[in-house]
């Protein structure tokens, strides 16, 4: 019996190089992390729907504020939708804009980072407490 099961982390970020940096840094430092990557809102919705109540449910979500090139916070409805499913786990607001992070927190994120480069450290801290 596995006494240290994998903890599923959903990373939602449209910048592929940043998404890969998050994933690589987290998995390199925590063998317990199983990473799901979403570079579009649709991918994020699909991953969440497939894994939310599955055998390996999502435990942590990192959410970018803007998945478009217009710098408009288009993830707010998804944050609310996820919370409305009953998901109570950590959801990290990852945006370079303080005002967008505030809106993300109001929509349902319950953690944030000072800047996006700190996302892996925040995830690792949360993983350590699980």
N, C-alpha and C. Protein backbone atom coordinates (compact mmCIF):
# COMPACT_ATOMS: atom_id res chain seq x y z
N UNK A 1 0.84 -1.19 0.00
CA UNK A 1 0.00 0.00 0.00
C UNK A 1 0.88 1.25 0.00
N UNK A 2 0.53 2.22 -0.86
CA UNK A 2 1.29 3.45 -0.97
C UNK A 2 0.87 4.40 0.15
N UNK A 3 1.79 4.71 1.06
CA UNK A 3 1.48 5.58 2.18
C UNK A 3 1.72 7.05 1.83
N UNK A 4 2.29 7.32 0.68
CA UNK A 4 2.56 8.68 0.24
C UNK A 4 1.96 8.90 -1.14
N UNK A 5 0.63 8.97 -1.23
CA UNK A 5 0.01 9.08 -2.55
C UNK A 5 0.34 10.41 -3.23
N UNK A 6 0.23 10.38 -4.54
CA UNK A 6 0.46 11.59 -5.32
C UNK A 6 -0.61 12.63 -5.00
N UNK A 7 -0.20 13.88 -5.02
CA UNK A 7 -1.12 14.99 -4.83
C UNK A 7 -1.21 15.72 -6.16
N UNK A 8 -2.42 15.82 -6.70
CA UNK A 8 -2.62 16.38 -8.02
C UNK A 8 -2.71 17.91 -7.93
N UNK A 9 -1.89 18.56 -8.77
CA UNK A 9 -1.83 20.01 -8.84
C UNK A 9 -2.20 20.42 -10.26
N UNK A 10 -3.21 21.26 -10.40
CA UNK A 10 -3.60 21.79 -11.70
C UNK A 10 -2.99 23.17 -11.87
N UNK A 11 -2.16 23.31 -12.90
CA UNK A 11 -1.53 24.59 -13.22
C UNK A 11 -2.22 25.19 -14.43
N UNK A 12 -2.80 26.37 -14.27
CA UNK A 12 -3.51 27.05 -15.36
C UNK A 12 -2.72 28.32 -15.69
N UNK A 13 -2.06 28.31 -16.84
CA UNK A 13 -1.17 29.41 -17.25
C UNK A 13 -1.02 29.38 -18.76
N UNK A 14 -1.23 30.51 -19.42
CA UNK A 14 -1.15 30.54 -20.89
C UNK A 14 0.27 30.70 -21.42
N UNK A 15 1.21 31.14 -20.59
CA UNK A 15 2.61 31.26 -21.00
C UNK A 15 3.26 29.88 -20.83
N UNK A 16 3.52 29.22 -21.96
CA UNK A 16 4.02 27.83 -21.94
C UNK A 16 5.35 27.71 -21.22
N UNK A 17 6.26 28.65 -21.42
CA UNK A 17 7.55 28.55 -20.74
C UNK A 17 7.38 28.69 -19.23
N UNK A 18 6.49 29.56 -18.79
CA UNK A 18 6.22 29.71 -17.36
C UNK A 18 5.53 28.45 -16.82
N UNK A 19 4.60 27.92 -17.59
CA UNK A 19 3.90 26.69 -17.20
C UNK A 19 4.90 25.55 -17.00
N UNK A 20 5.83 25.41 -17.94
CA UNK A 20 6.85 24.37 -17.83
C UNK A 20 7.78 24.62 -16.64
N UNK A 21 8.13 25.88 -16.41
CA UNK A 21 8.97 26.23 -15.26
C UNK A 21 8.27 25.83 -13.95
N UNK A 22 7.00 26.18 -13.82
CA UNK A 22 6.25 25.80 -12.62
C UNK A 22 6.28 24.28 -12.45
N UNK A 23 5.89 23.56 -13.50
CA UNK A 23 5.79 22.10 -13.42
C UNK A 23 7.13 21.46 -13.08
N UNK A 24 8.18 21.87 -13.77
CA UNK A 24 9.51 21.28 -13.55
C UNK A 24 10.04 21.58 -12.15
N UNK A 25 9.86 22.79 -11.69
CA UNK A 25 10.36 23.16 -10.37
C UNK A 25 9.61 22.40 -9.27
N UNK A 26 8.31 22.30 -9.42
CA UNK A 26 7.51 21.60 -8.41
C UNK A 26 7.85 20.12 -8.38
N UNK A 27 7.88 19.46 -9.53
CA UNK A 27 8.15 18.01 -9.55
C UNK A 27 9.58 17.68 -9.15
N UNK A 28 10.50 18.56 -9.46
CA UNK A 28 11.90 18.34 -9.07
C UNK A 28 12.05 18.39 -7.54
N UNK A 29 11.22 19.19 -6.90
CA UNK A 29 11.34 19.38 -5.45
C UNK A 29 10.31 18.61 -4.62
N UNK A 30 9.34 18.01 -5.26
CA UNK A 30 8.34 17.23 -4.53
C UNK A 30 7.92 16.02 -5.35
N UNK A 31 8.45 14.85 -5.01
CA UNK A 31 8.06 13.64 -5.74
C UNK A 31 6.59 13.28 -5.54
N UNK A 32 5.92 13.90 -4.56
CA UNK A 32 4.50 13.63 -4.31
C UNK A 32 3.59 14.35 -5.31
N UNK A 33 4.10 15.35 -6.01
CA UNK A 33 3.27 16.16 -6.90
C UNK A 33 3.05 15.47 -8.24
N UNK A 34 1.79 15.43 -8.64
CA UNK A 34 1.43 15.01 -10.00
C UNK A 34 0.82 16.24 -10.67
N UNK A 35 1.43 16.68 -11.74
CA UNK A 35 1.07 17.95 -12.37
C UNK A 35 0.15 17.75 -13.57
N UNK A 36 -0.91 18.55 -13.60
CA UNK A 36 -1.77 18.68 -14.78
C UNK A 36 -1.56 20.09 -15.29
N UNK A 37 -1.26 20.23 -16.58
CA UNK A 37 -1.01 21.54 -17.16
C UNK A 37 -2.14 21.94 -18.10
N UNK A 38 -2.57 23.19 -17.97
CA UNK A 38 -3.59 23.73 -18.86
C UNK A 38 -3.12 25.10 -19.35
N UNK A 39 -3.02 25.24 -20.67
CA UNK A 39 -2.60 26.52 -21.25
C UNK A 39 -3.77 27.29 -21.85
N UNK A 40 -4.98 26.73 -21.72
CA UNK A 40 -6.19 27.42 -22.16
C UNK A 40 -7.28 27.21 -21.11
N UNK A 41 -8.29 28.05 -21.15
CA UNK A 41 -9.41 27.89 -20.23
C UNK A 41 -10.12 26.57 -20.47
N UNK A 42 -10.26 26.18 -21.73
CA UNK A 42 -10.94 24.93 -22.06
C UNK A 42 -10.19 23.73 -21.48
N UNK A 43 -8.85 23.72 -21.62
CA UNK A 43 -8.05 22.63 -21.02
C UNK A 43 -8.24 22.59 -19.51
N UNK A 44 -8.27 23.75 -18.88
CA UNK A 44 -8.45 23.80 -17.43
C UNK A 44 -9.80 23.20 -17.04
N UNK A 45 -10.85 23.58 -17.77
CA UNK A 45 -12.18 23.03 -17.50
C UNK A 45 -12.21 21.52 -17.68
N UNK A 46 -11.57 21.03 -18.73
CA UNK A 46 -11.55 19.59 -19.00
C UNK A 46 -10.81 18.84 -17.91
N UNK A 47 -9.62 19.32 -17.53
CA UNK A 47 -8.86 18.67 -16.45
C UNK A 47 -9.67 18.64 -15.16
N UNK A 48 -10.28 19.78 -14.82
CA UNK A 48 -11.02 19.84 -13.57
C UNK A 48 -12.21 18.88 -13.59
N UNK A 49 -12.96 18.89 -14.68
CA UNK A 49 -14.13 18.02 -14.79
C UNK A 49 -13.73 16.55 -14.70
N UNK A 50 -12.61 16.19 -15.31
CA UNK A 50 -12.17 14.79 -15.33
C UNK A 50 -11.63 14.34 -13.97
N UNK A 51 -10.94 15.23 -13.28
CA UNK A 51 -10.23 14.83 -12.06
C UNK A 51 -10.90 15.23 -10.75
N UNK A 52 -11.87 16.15 -10.79
CA UNK A 52 -12.39 16.69 -9.53
C UNK A 52 -12.87 15.61 -8.58
N UNK A 53 -13.68 14.71 -9.04
CA UNK A 53 -14.18 13.64 -8.16
C UNK A 53 -13.65 12.27 -8.58
N UNK A 54 -12.56 12.28 -9.32
CA UNK A 54 -12.00 11.04 -9.83
C UNK A 54 -11.14 10.31 -8.81
N UNK A 55 -10.48 9.27 -9.29
CA UNK A 55 -9.60 8.47 -8.44
C UNK A 55 -8.45 9.32 -7.89
N UNK A 56 -7.95 10.22 -8.72
CA UNK A 56 -6.90 11.14 -8.30
C UNK A 56 -7.45 12.56 -8.38
N UNK A 57 -8.18 12.99 -7.34
CA UNK A 57 -8.77 14.33 -7.39
C UNK A 57 -7.71 15.43 -7.31
N UNK A 58 -8.05 16.56 -7.87
CA UNK A 58 -7.18 17.73 -7.81
C UNK A 58 -7.19 18.25 -6.38
N UNK A 59 -6.00 18.56 -5.87
CA UNK A 59 -5.87 19.06 -4.50
C UNK A 59 -5.50 20.54 -4.45
N UNK A 60 -4.74 21.00 -5.44
CA UNK A 60 -4.26 22.39 -5.48
C UNK A 60 -4.44 22.91 -6.90
N UNK A 61 -4.87 24.16 -7.01
CA UNK A 61 -5.00 24.81 -8.32
C UNK A 61 -4.22 26.11 -8.30
N UNK A 62 -3.42 26.31 -9.35
CA UNK A 62 -2.77 27.60 -9.58
C UNK A 62 -3.50 28.23 -10.76
N UNK A 63 -4.01 29.44 -10.58
CA UNK A 63 -4.81 30.08 -11.61
C UNK A 63 -4.18 31.39 -12.06
N UNK A 64 -3.87 31.47 -13.34
CA UNK A 64 -3.43 32.73 -13.95
C UNK A 64 -4.65 33.65 -14.00
N UNK A 65 -4.42 34.94 -14.00
CA UNK A 65 -5.53 35.88 -14.05
C UNK A 65 -6.04 36.13 -15.45
N UNK A 66 -5.12 36.15 -16.41
CA UNK A 66 -5.47 36.49 -17.79
C UNK A 66 -4.95 35.42 -18.73
N UNK A 67 -5.86 34.68 -19.32
CA UNK A 67 -5.47 33.64 -20.27
C UNK A 67 -5.59 34.13 -21.71
N UNK A 68 -5.75 35.44 -21.86
CA UNK A 68 -5.82 36.04 -23.18
C UNK A 68 -4.70 37.05 -23.31
N UNK A 69 -4.54 37.58 -24.45
CA UNK A 69 -3.46 38.56 -24.68
C UNK A 69 -3.92 39.99 -24.44
N UNK A 70 -5.14 40.17 -23.95
CA UNK A 70 -5.69 41.51 -23.74
C UNK A 70 -5.50 42.02 -22.32
N UNK A 71 -4.89 41.23 -21.47
CA UNK A 71 -4.68 41.57 -20.06
C UNK A 71 -5.99 41.84 -19.34
N UNK A 72 -7.01 41.08 -19.71
CA UNK A 72 -8.30 41.15 -19.04
C UNK A 72 -8.48 39.87 -18.23
N UNK A 73 -8.95 39.98 -16.99
CA UNK A 73 -9.08 38.80 -16.13
C UNK A 73 -10.22 37.87 -16.57
N UNK A 74 -9.92 36.98 -17.49
CA UNK A 74 -10.94 36.08 -18.04
C UNK A 74 -11.09 34.78 -17.26
N UNK A 75 -10.32 34.59 -16.21
CA UNK A 75 -10.43 33.37 -15.42
C UNK A 75 -11.42 33.50 -14.25
N UNK A 76 -11.94 34.68 -14.02
CA UNK A 76 -12.85 34.90 -12.89
C UNK A 76 -14.07 33.97 -12.93
N UNK A 77 -14.74 33.82 -14.08
CA UNK A 77 -15.88 32.90 -14.11
C UNK A 77 -15.48 31.45 -13.80
N UNK A 78 -14.29 31.03 -14.27
CA UNK A 78 -13.83 29.66 -14.00
C UNK A 78 -13.55 29.47 -12.51
N UNK A 79 -12.96 30.47 -11.88
CA UNK A 79 -12.70 30.39 -10.43
C UNK A 79 -14.02 30.18 -9.69
N UNK A 80 -15.01 30.98 -10.02
CA UNK A 80 -16.32 30.86 -9.39
C UNK A 80 -16.96 29.51 -9.69
N UNK A 81 -16.87 29.08 -10.94
CA UNK A 81 -17.44 27.79 -11.34
C UNK A 81 -16.81 26.64 -10.54
N UNK A 82 -15.50 26.68 -10.39
CA UNK A 82 -14.81 25.63 -9.63
C UNK A 82 -15.26 25.64 -8.17
N UNK A 83 -15.33 26.80 -7.57
CA UNK A 83 -15.78 26.89 -6.17
C UNK A 83 -17.22 26.41 -6.03
N UNK A 84 -18.04 26.67 -7.03
CA UNK A 84 -19.45 26.25 -6.96
C UNK A 84 -19.61 24.73 -7.04
N UNK A 85 -18.58 24.01 -7.46
CA UNK A 85 -18.65 22.54 -7.48
C UNK A 85 -18.45 21.96 -6.09
N UNK A 86 -17.98 22.79 -5.16
CA UNK A 86 -17.68 22.30 -3.82
C UNK A 86 -16.19 22.13 -3.57
N UNK A 87 -15.37 22.46 -4.55
CA UNK A 87 -13.91 22.38 -4.35
C UNK A 87 -13.52 23.36 -3.26
N UNK A 88 -12.85 22.83 -2.23
CA UNK A 88 -12.46 23.67 -1.09
C UNK A 88 -10.95 23.77 -0.92
N UNK A 89 -10.21 23.15 -1.82
CA UNK A 89 -8.75 23.15 -1.71
C UNK A 89 -8.13 24.49 -2.01
N UNK A 90 -6.82 24.57 -1.85
CA UNK A 90 -6.10 25.80 -2.15
C UNK A 90 -6.20 26.16 -3.64
N UNK A 91 -6.54 27.42 -3.90
CA UNK A 91 -6.53 27.95 -5.26
C UNK A 91 -5.71 29.24 -5.20
N UNK A 92 -4.60 29.24 -5.92
CA UNK A 92 -3.63 30.33 -5.84
C UNK A 92 -3.86 31.31 -6.98
N UNK A 93 -4.06 32.58 -6.64
CA UNK A 93 -4.16 33.65 -7.63
C UNK A 93 -2.76 34.03 -8.07
N UNK A 94 -2.47 33.84 -9.35
CA UNK A 94 -1.14 34.14 -9.89
C UNK A 94 -1.30 35.18 -11.00
N UNK A 95 -1.07 36.43 -10.65
CA UNK A 95 -1.18 37.51 -11.62
C UNK A 95 -0.14 38.56 -11.29
N UNK A 96 0.33 39.24 -12.29
CA UNK A 96 1.27 40.33 -12.08
C UNK A 96 0.58 41.61 -11.65
N UNK A 97 -0.73 41.63 -11.68
CA UNK A 97 -1.51 42.82 -11.36
C UNK A 97 -2.18 42.65 -9.99
N UNK A 98 -1.93 43.59 -9.10
CA UNK A 98 -2.55 43.55 -7.77
C UNK A 98 -4.06 43.63 -7.86
N UNK A 99 -4.58 44.48 -8.74
CA UNK A 99 -6.03 44.63 -8.85
C UNK A 99 -6.67 43.35 -9.38
N UNK A 100 -6.01 42.67 -10.31
CA UNK A 100 -6.55 41.41 -10.81
C UNK A 100 -6.50 40.35 -9.73
N UNK A 101 -5.40 40.29 -8.97
CA UNK A 101 -5.32 39.33 -7.85
C UNK A 101 -6.44 39.57 -6.84
N UNK A 102 -6.74 40.83 -6.55
CA UNK A 102 -7.84 41.14 -5.63
C UNK A 102 -9.16 40.62 -6.17
N UNK A 103 -9.38 40.78 -7.44
CA UNK A 103 -10.62 40.29 -8.06
C UNK A 103 -10.66 38.77 -8.04
N UNK A 104 -9.51 38.13 -8.24
CA UNK A 104 -9.44 36.67 -8.20
C UNK A 104 -9.73 36.16 -6.79
N UNK A 105 -9.22 36.84 -5.79
CA UNK A 105 -9.48 36.45 -4.41
C UNK A 105 -10.97 36.61 -4.10
N UNK A 106 -11.58 37.66 -4.59
CA UNK A 106 -13.01 37.87 -4.37
C UNK A 106 -13.84 36.81 -5.09
N UNK A 107 -13.32 36.30 -6.21
CA UNK A 107 -14.05 35.27 -6.98
C UNK A 107 -13.92 33.88 -6.36
N UNK A 108 -12.91 33.67 -5.51
CA UNK A 108 -12.79 32.35 -4.88
C UNK A 108 -11.39 31.84 -4.62
N UNK A 109 -10.37 32.52 -5.12
CA UNK A 109 -9.00 32.08 -4.77
C UNK A 109 -8.79 32.35 -3.29
N UNK A 110 -8.03 31.47 -2.64
CA UNK A 110 -7.80 31.66 -1.21
C UNK A 110 -6.31 31.79 -0.85
N UNK A 111 -5.49 31.89 -1.88
CA UNK A 111 -4.05 32.15 -1.71
C UNK A 111 -3.61 33.03 -2.87
N UNK A 112 -2.52 33.75 -2.68
CA UNK A 112 -1.94 34.51 -3.78
C UNK A 112 -0.43 34.56 -3.56
N UNK A 113 0.27 35.01 -4.58
CA UNK A 113 1.72 35.17 -4.49
C UNK A 113 2.06 36.61 -4.86
N UNK A 114 3.15 37.11 -4.29
CA UNK A 114 3.57 38.49 -4.55
C UNK A 114 3.90 38.69 -6.02
N UNK A 115 4.58 37.70 -6.60
CA UNK A 115 4.83 37.72 -8.05
C UNK A 115 4.87 36.29 -8.56
N UNK A 116 4.68 36.12 -9.86
CA UNK A 116 4.51 34.79 -10.44
C UNK A 116 5.70 33.87 -10.22
N UNK A 117 6.89 34.42 -10.07
CA UNK A 117 8.07 33.59 -9.84
C UNK A 117 8.00 32.80 -8.54
N UNK A 118 7.12 33.21 -7.64
CA UNK A 118 6.98 32.53 -6.35
C UNK A 118 5.94 31.42 -6.35
N UNK A 119 5.30 31.18 -7.48
CA UNK A 119 4.27 30.13 -7.54
C UNK A 119 4.81 28.77 -7.11
N UNK A 120 5.94 28.30 -7.66
CA UNK A 120 6.41 26.97 -7.24
C UNK A 120 6.66 26.87 -5.73
N UNK A 121 7.23 27.91 -5.14
CA UNK A 121 7.50 27.90 -3.70
C UNK A 121 6.19 27.80 -2.92
N UNK A 122 5.17 28.54 -3.34
CA UNK A 122 3.87 28.49 -2.66
C UNK A 122 3.25 27.10 -2.76
N UNK A 123 3.32 26.50 -3.95
CA UNK A 123 2.79 25.15 -4.13
C UNK A 123 3.55 24.16 -3.25
N UNK A 124 4.86 24.27 -3.24
CA UNK A 124 5.67 23.37 -2.42
C UNK A 124 5.34 23.53 -0.93
N UNK A 125 5.12 24.75 -0.47
CA UNK A 125 4.72 24.98 0.93
C UNK A 125 3.38 24.29 1.22
N UNK A 126 2.44 24.44 0.29
CA UNK A 126 1.13 23.78 0.49
C UNK A 126 1.25 22.27 0.47
N UNK A 127 2.06 21.74 -0.43
CA UNK A 127 2.28 20.30 -0.51
C UNK A 127 2.88 19.76 0.79
N UNK A 128 3.80 20.51 1.36
CA UNK A 128 4.47 20.08 2.60
C UNK A 128 3.46 19.95 3.75
N UNK A 129 2.38 20.71 3.69
CA UNK A 129 1.38 20.66 4.74
C UNK A 129 0.28 19.63 4.51
N UNK A 130 0.38 18.87 3.43
CA UNK A 130 -0.66 17.87 3.10
C UNK A 130 -0.20 16.47 3.42
